[in-house]
Amino acid sequence: MSLLWLAFAILLLPALWFLVAPLRRARLVLCP
């Protein structure tokens, strides 16, 4: 079970990063 969760996290974290990075850039542009 733990290996399944580990693989899930490894797949999910990059997806979250790519979703959050543009939001951070937009926030920096809107509120310097």
PDB file of N, CA and C in Angstrom:
ATOM      1  N   MET A   1       0.832  -1.205   0.000  1.00  0.00           N
ATOM      2  CA  MET A   1       0.000   0.000   0.000  1.00  0.00           C
ATOM      3  C   MET A   1       0.867   1.256   0.000  1.00  0.00           C
ATOM      4  N   SER A   2       1.909   1.262   0.836  1.00  0.00           N
ATOM      5  CA  SER A   2       2.758   2.457   0.925  1.00  0.00           C
ATOM      6  C   SER A   2       3.455   2.735  -0.409  1.00  0.00           C
ATOM      7  N   LEU A   3       3.825   1.679  -1.130  1.00  0.00           N
ATOM      8  CA  LEU A   3       4.468   1.880  -2.433  1.00  0.00           C
ATOM      9  C   LEU A   3       3.486   2.527  -3.412  1.00  0.00           C
ATOM     10  N   LEU A   4       2.228   2.134  -3.328  1.00  0.00           N
ATOM     11  CA  LEU A   4       1.216   2.716  -4.203  1.00  0.00           C
ATOM     12  C   LEU A   4       1.066   4.202  -3.908  1.00  0.00           C
ATOM     13  N   TRP A   5       1.014   4.547  -2.619  1.00  0.00           N
ATOM     14  CA  TRP A   5       0.894   5.962  -2.247  1.00  0.00           C
ATOM     15  C   TRP A   5       2.135   6.735  -2.681  1.00  0.00           C
ATOM     16  N   LEU A   6       3.308   6.117  -2.570  1.00  0.00           N
ATOM     17  CA  LEU A   6       4.557   6.777  -2.972  1.00  0.00           C
ATOM     18  C   LEU A   6       4.533   7.083  -4.467  1.00  0.00           C
ATOM     19  N   ALA A   7       4.135   6.099  -5.267  1.00  0.00           N
ATOM     20  CA  ALA A   7       4.062   6.308  -6.713  1.00  0.00           C
ATOM     21  C   ALA A   7       3.030   7.390  -7.037  1.00  0.00           C
ATOM     22  N   PHE A   8       1.903   7.374  -6.323  1.00  0.00           N
ATOM     23  CA  PHE A   8       0.863   8.378  -6.540  1.00  0.00           C
ATOM     24  C   PHE A   8       1.401   9.772  -6.242  1.00  0.00           C
ATOM     25  N   ALA A   9       2.142   9.909  -5.140  1.00  0.00           N
ATOM     26  CA  ALA A   9       2.710  11.209  -4.766  1.00  0.00           C
ATOM     27  C   ALA A   9       3.730  11.663  -5.812  1.00  0.00           C
ATOM     28  N   ILE A  10       4.563  10.732  -6.283  1.00  0.00           N
ATOM     29  CA  ILE A  10       5.588  11.071  -7.274  1.00  0.00           C
ATOM     30  C   ILE A  10       4.931  11.561  -8.574  1.00  0.00           C
ATOM     31  N   LEU A  11       3.775  10.986  -8.910  1.00  0.00           N
ATOM     32  CA  LEU A  11       3.082  11.421 -10.120  1.00  0.00           C
ATOM     33  C   LEU A  11       2.317  12.722  -9.886  1.00  0.00           C
ATOM     34  N   LEU A  12       1.806  12.906  -8.662  1.00  0.00           N
ATOM     35  CA  LEU A  12       0.927  14.036  -8.398  1.00  0.00           C
ATOM     36  C   LEU A  12       1.700  15.321  -8.120  1.00  0.00           C
ATOM     37  N   LEU A  13       2.837  15.216  -7.433  1.00  0.00           N
ATOM     38  CA  LEU A  13       3.569  16.430  -7.046  1.00  0.00           C
ATOM     39  C   LEU A  13       4.009  17.272  -8.248  1.00  0.00           C
ATOM     40  N   PRO A  14       4.589  16.685  -9.301  1.00  0.00           N
ATOM     41  CA  PRO A  14       4.944  17.511 -10.473  1.00  0.00           C
ATOM     42  C   PRO A  14       3.722  18.158 -11.108  1.00  0.00           C
ATOM     43  N   ALA A  15       2.603  17.456 -11.148  1.00  0.00           N
ATOM     44  CA  ALA A  15       1.384  18.032 -11.726  1.00  0.00           C
ATOM     45  C   ALA A  15       0.945  19.242 -10.901  1.00  0.00           C
ATOM     46  N   LEU A  16       0.990  19.105  -9.575  1.00  0.00           N
ATOM     47  CA  LEU A  16       0.626  20.233  -8.710  1.00  0.00           C
ATOM     48  C   LEU A  16       1.593  21.391  -8.918  1.00  0.00           C
ATOM     49  N   TRP A  17       2.877  21.069  -9.067  1.00  0.00           N
ATOM     50  CA  TRP A  17       3.882  22.126  -9.257  1.00  0.00           C
ATOM     51  C   TRP A  17       3.602  22.902 -10.536  1.00  0.00           C
ATOM     52  N   PHE A  18       3.288  22.185 -11.621  1.00  0.00           N
ATOM     53  CA  PHE A  18       3.026  22.859 -12.896  1.00  0.00           C
ATOM     54  C   PHE A  18       1.728  23.655 -12.853  1.00  0.00           C
ATOM     55  N   LEU A  19       0.797  23.243 -11.963  1.00  0.00           N
ATOM     56  CA  LEU A  19      -0.438  24.020 -11.817  1.00  0.00           C
ATOM     57  C   LEU A  19      -0.203  25.258 -10.968  1.00  0.00           C
ATOM     58  N   VAL A  20       0.653  25.154  -9.954  1.00  0.00           N
ATOM     59  CA  VAL A  20       0.852  26.257  -9.008  1.00  0.00           C
ATOM     60  C   VAL A  20       1.825  27.301  -9.540  1.00  0.00           C
ATOM     61  N   ALA A  21       2.825  26.880 -10.322  1.00  0.00           N
ATOM     62  CA  ALA A  21       3.845  27.817 -10.803  1.00  0.00           C
ATOM     63  C   ALA A  21       3.247  29.008 -11.577  1.00  0.00           C
ATOM     64  N   PRO A  22       2.336  28.795 -12.540  1.00  0.00           N
ATOM     65  CA  PRO A  22       1.751  29.940 -13.252  1.00  0.00           C
ATOM     66  C   PRO A  22       0.953  30.842 -12.310  1.00  0.00           C
ATOM     67  N   LEU A  23       0.289  30.250 -11.296  1.00  0.00           N
ATOM     68  CA  LEU A  23      -0.462  31.075 -10.351  1.00  0.00           C
ATOM     69  C   LEU A  23       0.488  31.960  -9.560  1.00  0.00           C
ATOM     70  N   ARG A  24       1.636  31.410  -9.173  1.00  0.00           N
ATOM     71  CA  ARG A  24       2.622  32.212  -8.443  1.00  0.00           C
ATOM     72  C   ARG A  24       3.141  33.342  -9.325  1.00  0.00           C
ATOM     73  N   ARG A  25       3.396  33.045 -10.605  1.00  0.00           N
ATOM     74  CA  ARG A  25       3.880  34.082 -11.509  1.00  0.00           C
ATOM     75  C   ARG A  25       2.826  35.168 -11.676  1.00  0.00           C
ATOM     76  N   ALA A  26       1.582  34.777 -11.830  1.00  0.00           N
ATOM     77  CA  ALA A  26       0.508  35.759 -11.978  1.00  0.00           C
ATOM     78  C   ALA A  26       0.408  36.617 -10.712  1.00  0.00           C
ATOM     79  N   ARG A  27       0.562  35.994  -9.547  1.00  0.00           N
ATOM     80  CA  ARG A  27       0.476  36.746  -8.301  1.00  0.00           C
ATOM     81  C   ARG A  27       1.627  37.755  -8.208  1.00  0.00           C
ATOM     82  N   LEU A  28       2.819  37.336  -8.650  1.00  0.00           N
ATOM     83  CA  LEU A  28       3.966  38.247  -8.622  1.00  0.00           C
ATOM     84  C   LEU A  28       3.748  39.413  -9.584  1.00  0.00           C
ATOM     85  N   VAL A  29       3.110  39.132 -10.719  1.00  0.00           N
ATOM     86  CA  VAL A  29       2.869  40.196 -11.696  1.00  0.00           C
ATOM     87  C   VAL A  29       1.788  41.151 -11.185  1.00  0.00           C
ATOM     88  N   LEU A  30       0.760  40.596 -10.549  1.00  0.00           N
ATOM     89  CA  LEU A  30      -0.342  41.438 -10.075  1.00  0.00           C
ATOM     90  C   LEU A  30       0.065  42.230  -8.833  1.00  0.00           C
ATOM     91  N   CYS A  31       0.818  41.593  -7.936  1.00  0.00           N
ATOM     92  CA  CYS A  31       1.218  42.233  -6.678  1.00  0.00           C
ATOM     93  C   CYS A  31       2.730  42.151  -6.524  1.00  0.00           C
ATOM     94  N   PRO A  32       3.456  43.079  -7.139  1.00  0.00           N
ATOM     95  CA  PRO A  32       4.909  43.027  -7.064  1.00  0.00           C
ATOM     96  C   PRO A  32       5.423  43.372  -5.655  1.00  0.00           C
TER      97      PRO A  32
END
